[in-house]
């Protein structure tokens, strides 16, 4: 649950196993996670996969070190395409949304000094 991450800045990464750009960006997500985790950043992955077996297989292959979940429908979160990144502040408020992970870097650098 996202409530488990209250008190910390959290990157919510929406992705899917069938999304080629999502898979290509995973090393960058890992790098961002590793770079800021010691400063209090948490990362949560939310998949838009409708096929649970494909999602589980992707998790095995990708070996992602942060919490993962799967949405039953993209409309649950108001997400229309992936990958997309949301940055939540410690109260759970969305402070940034981006289709480009690099756009979160200046915000994280400023807020997680």
C-alpha atoms as a PDB file:
ATOM      1  CA  UNK A   1       0.000   0.000   0.000  1.00  0.00           C
ATOM      2  CA  UNK A   2       1.204   3.524  -0.732  1.00  0.00           C
ATOM      3  CA  UNK A   3       0.227   4.419   2.834  1.00  0.00           C
ATOM      4  CA  UNK A   4       3.141   2.232   3.970  1.00  0.00           C
ATOM      5  CA  UNK A   5       5.487   4.776   2.389  1.00  0.00           C
ATOM      6  CA  UNK A   6       4.147   7.866   4.142  1.00  0.00           C
ATOM      7  CA  UNK A   7       6.838   9.986   5.721  1.00  0.00           C
ATOM      8  CA  UNK A   8       9.182   9.564   2.756  1.00  0.00           C
ATOM      9  CA  UNK A   9       9.386  10.839  -0.771  1.00  0.00           C
ATOM     10  CA  UNK A  10       8.182   8.064  -3.059  1.00  0.00           C
ATOM     11  CA  UNK A  11       8.578   7.500  -6.789  1.00  0.00           C
ATOM     12  CA  UNK A  12       5.633   5.554  -8.162  1.00  0.00           C
ATOM     13  CA  UNK A  13       6.694   3.877 -11.382  1.00  0.00           C
ATOM     14  CA  UNK A  14       3.862   2.728 -13.645  1.00  0.00           C
ATOM     15  CA  UNK A  15       5.000   0.090 -16.133  1.00  0.00           C
ATOM     16  CA  UNK A  16       3.991  -3.138 -17.884  1.00  0.00           C
ATOM     17  CA  UNK A  17       5.788  -6.308 -18.946  1.00  0.00           C
ATOM     18  CA  UNK A  18       4.741  -5.782 -22.599  1.00  0.00           C
ATOM     19  CA  UNK A  19       6.125  -2.206 -22.658  1.00  0.00           C
ATOM     20  CA  UNK A  20       9.502  -2.087 -24.415  1.00  0.00           C
ATOM     21  CA  UNK A  21      10.333   1.497 -23.277  1.00  0.00           C
ATOM     22  CA  UNK A  22       9.505   0.453 -19.702  1.00  0.00           C
ATOM     23  CA  UNK A  23      12.049  -2.348 -19.825  1.00  0.00           C
ATOM     24  CA  UNK A  24      14.664  -0.081 -21.425  1.00  0.00           C
ATOM     25  CA  UNK A  25      14.238   2.456 -18.617  1.00  0.00           C
ATOM     26  CA  UNK A  26      14.522  -0.076 -15.768  1.00  0.00           C
ATOM     27  CA  UNK A  27      18.305   0.423 -15.359  1.00  0.00           C
ATOM     28  CA  UNK A  28      17.684   4.159 -14.951  1.00  0.00           C
ATOM     29  CA  UNK A  29      14.951   3.500 -12.387  1.00  0.00           C
ATOM     30  CA  UNK A  30      17.341   1.213 -10.486  1.00  0.00           C
ATOM     31  CA  UNK A  31      20.041   3.881 -10.635  1.00  0.00           C
ATOM     32  CA  UNK A  32      17.695   6.568  -9.312  1.00  0.00           C
ATOM     33  CA  UNK A  33      16.484   4.225  -6.578  1.00  0.00           C
ATOM     34  CA  UNK A  34      20.058   3.380  -5.540  1.00  0.00           C
ATOM     35  CA  UNK A  35      21.182   7.017  -5.685  1.00  0.00           C
ATOM     36  CA  UNK A  36      18.440   8.419  -3.445  1.00  0.00           C
ATOM     37  CA  UNK A  37      17.400   5.486  -1.203  1.00  0.00           C
ATOM     38  CA  UNK A  38      19.949   6.406   1.457  1.00  0.00           C
ATOM     39  CA  UNK A  39      18.448   9.912   1.538  1.00  0.00           C
ATOM     40  CA  UNK A  40      14.957   8.591   2.257  1.00  0.00           C
ATOM     41  CA  UNK A  41      13.469   7.909  -1.178  1.00  0.00           C
ATOM     42  CA  UNK A  42      11.284   4.861  -1.638  1.00  0.00           C
ATOM     43  CA  UNK A  43      10.197   3.411  -4.952  1.00  0.00           C
ATOM     44  CA  UNK A  44       6.998   1.549  -5.769  1.00  0.00           C
ATOM     45  CA  UNK A  45       6.298  -0.196  -9.063  1.00  0.00           C
ATOM     46  CA  UNK A  46       2.721  -0.536 -10.277  1.00  0.00           C
ATOM     47  CA  UNK A  47       2.159  -2.705 -13.311  1.00  0.00           C
ATOM     48  CA  UNK A  48      -0.697  -2.297 -15.761  1.00  0.00           C
ATOM     49  CA  UNK A  49      -0.406  -5.951 -16.826  1.00  0.00           C
ATOM     50  CA  UNK A  50      -3.720  -7.736 -17.188  1.00  0.00           C
ATOM     51  CA  UNK A  51      -1.897 -11.067 -17.469  1.00  0.00           C
ATOM     52  CA  UNK A  52      -0.707 -11.991 -13.978  1.00  0.00           C
ATOM     53  CA  UNK A  53       1.616 -14.716 -15.247  1.00  0.00           C
ATOM     54  CA  UNK A  54       3.382 -12.304 -17.632  1.00  0.00           C
ATOM     55  CA  UNK A  55       3.794  -9.800 -14.801  1.00  0.00           C
ATOM     56  CA  UNK A  56       5.260 -12.420 -12.450  1.00  0.00           C
ATOM     57  CA  UNK A  57       7.635 -13.645 -15.168  1.00  0.00           C
ATOM     58  CA  UNK A  58       8.818 -10.076 -15.794  1.00  0.00           C
ATOM     59  CA  UNK A  59       9.446  -9.572 -12.079  1.00  0.00           C
ATOM     60  CA  UNK A  60      11.575 -12.731 -12.014  1.00  0.00           C
ATOM     61  CA  UNK A  61      13.598 -11.539 -15.020  1.00  0.00           C
ATOM     62  CA  UNK A  62      13.974  -7.898 -13.987  1.00  0.00           C
ATOM     63  CA  UNK A  63      14.838  -8.575 -10.328  1.00  0.00           C
ATOM     64  CA  UNK A  64      13.549  -5.217  -9.076  1.00  0.00           C
ATOM     65  CA  UNK A  65      14.584  -4.394  -5.476  1.00  0.00           C
ATOM     66  CA  UNK A  66      11.536  -2.281  -4.562  1.00  0.00           C
ATOM     67  CA  UNK A  67       7.879  -2.959  -3.788  1.00  0.00           C
ATOM     68  CA  UNK A  68       5.727  -4.084  -6.706  1.00  0.00           C
ATOM     69  CA  UNK A  69       1.987  -4.220  -7.262  1.00  0.00           C
ATOM     70  CA  UNK A  70      -0.414  -4.697 -10.133  1.00  0.00           C
ATOM     71  CA  UNK A  71      -3.455  -2.588 -10.993  1.00  0.00           C
ATOM     72  CA  UNK A  72      -6.544  -4.319 -12.301  1.00  0.00           C
ATOM     73  CA  UNK A  73      -7.102  -1.425 -14.726  1.00  0.00           C
ATOM     74  CA  UNK A  74      -5.028   1.592 -15.712  1.00  0.00           C
ATOM     75  CA  UNK A  75      -8.056   3.756 -15.104  1.00  0.00           C
ATOM     76  CA  UNK A  76      -7.748   2.989 -11.376  1.00  0.00           C
ATOM     77  CA  UNK A  77      -4.866   5.455 -11.235  1.00  0.00           C
ATOM     78  CA  UNK A  78      -5.763   7.674 -14.173  1.00  0.00           C
ATOM     79  CA  UNK A  79      -2.761   6.441 -16.161  1.00  0.00           C
ATOM     80  CA  UNK A  80      -3.188   6.343 -19.934  1.00  0.00           C
ATOM     81  CA  UNK A  81       0.280   5.205 -21.038  1.00  0.00           C
ATOM     82  CA  UNK A  82       3.487   3.788 -19.615  1.00  0.00           C
ATOM     83  CA  UNK A  83       6.105   4.317 -18.467  1.00  0.00           C
ATOM     84  CA  UNK A  84       5.077   7.194 -16.243  1.00  0.00           C
ATOM     85  CA  UNK A  85       6.496   8.384 -12.952  1.00  0.00           C
ATOM     86  CA  UNK A  86       4.807  10.148 -10.065  1.00  0.00           C
ATOM     87  CA  UNK A  87       6.696  11.720  -7.191  1.00  0.00           C
ATOM     88  CA  UNK A  88       4.829  11.775  -3.895  1.00  0.00           C
ATOM     89  CA  UNK A  89       5.894  13.953  -0.992  1.00  0.00           C
ATOM     90  CA  UNK A  90       6.032  12.558   2.572  1.00  0.00           C
ATOM     91  CA  UNK A  91       2.318  13.328   3.076  1.00  0.00           C
ATOM     92  CA  UNK A  92       1.376  11.308  -0.034  1.00  0.00           C
ATOM     93  CA  UNK A  93       0.616  14.348  -2.200  1.00  0.00           C
ATOM     94  CA  UNK A  94       1.646  14.136  -5.867  1.00  0.00           C
ATOM     95  CA  UNK A  95       4.289  16.823  -6.426  1.00  0.00           C
ATOM     96  CA  UNK A  96       5.385  15.805  -9.929  1.00  0.00           C
ATOM     97  CA  UNK A  97       4.265  13.604 -12.823  1.00  0.00           C
ATOM     98  CA  UNK A  98       6.490  12.803 -15.767  1.00  0.00           C
ATOM     99  CA  UNK A  99       6.932  10.433 -18.680  1.00  0.00           C
ATOM    100  CA  UNK A 100      10.686  11.050 -18.405  1.00  0.00           C
ATOM    101  CA  UNK A 101      12.481   9.851 -15.293  1.00  0.00           C
ATOM    102  CA  UNK A 102      15.231  12.449 -15.741  1.00  0.00           C
ATOM    103  CA  UNK A 103      12.703  15.224 -15.122  1.00  0.00           C
ATOM    104  CA  UNK A 104      12.441  14.077 -11.494  1.00  0.00           C
ATOM    105  CA  UNK A 105      16.186  14.378 -10.842  1.00  0.00           C
ATOM    106  CA  UNK A 106      16.307  18.137 -10.112  1.00  0.00           C
ATOM    107  CA  UNK A 107      13.298  17.876  -7.822  1.00  0.00           C
ATOM    108  CA  UNK A 108      14.754  14.947  -5.905  1.00  0.00           C
ATOM    109  CA  UNK A 109      18.172  16.577  -5.698  1.00  0.00           C
ATOM    110  CA  UNK A 110      16.620  19.712  -4.223  1.00  0.00           C
ATOM    111  CA  UNK A 111      14.248  18.007  -1.785  1.00  0.00           C
ATOM    112  CA  UNK A 112      16.546  15.201  -0.620  1.00  0.00           C
ATOM    113  CA  UNK A 113      19.653  17.186   0.251  1.00  0.00           C
END
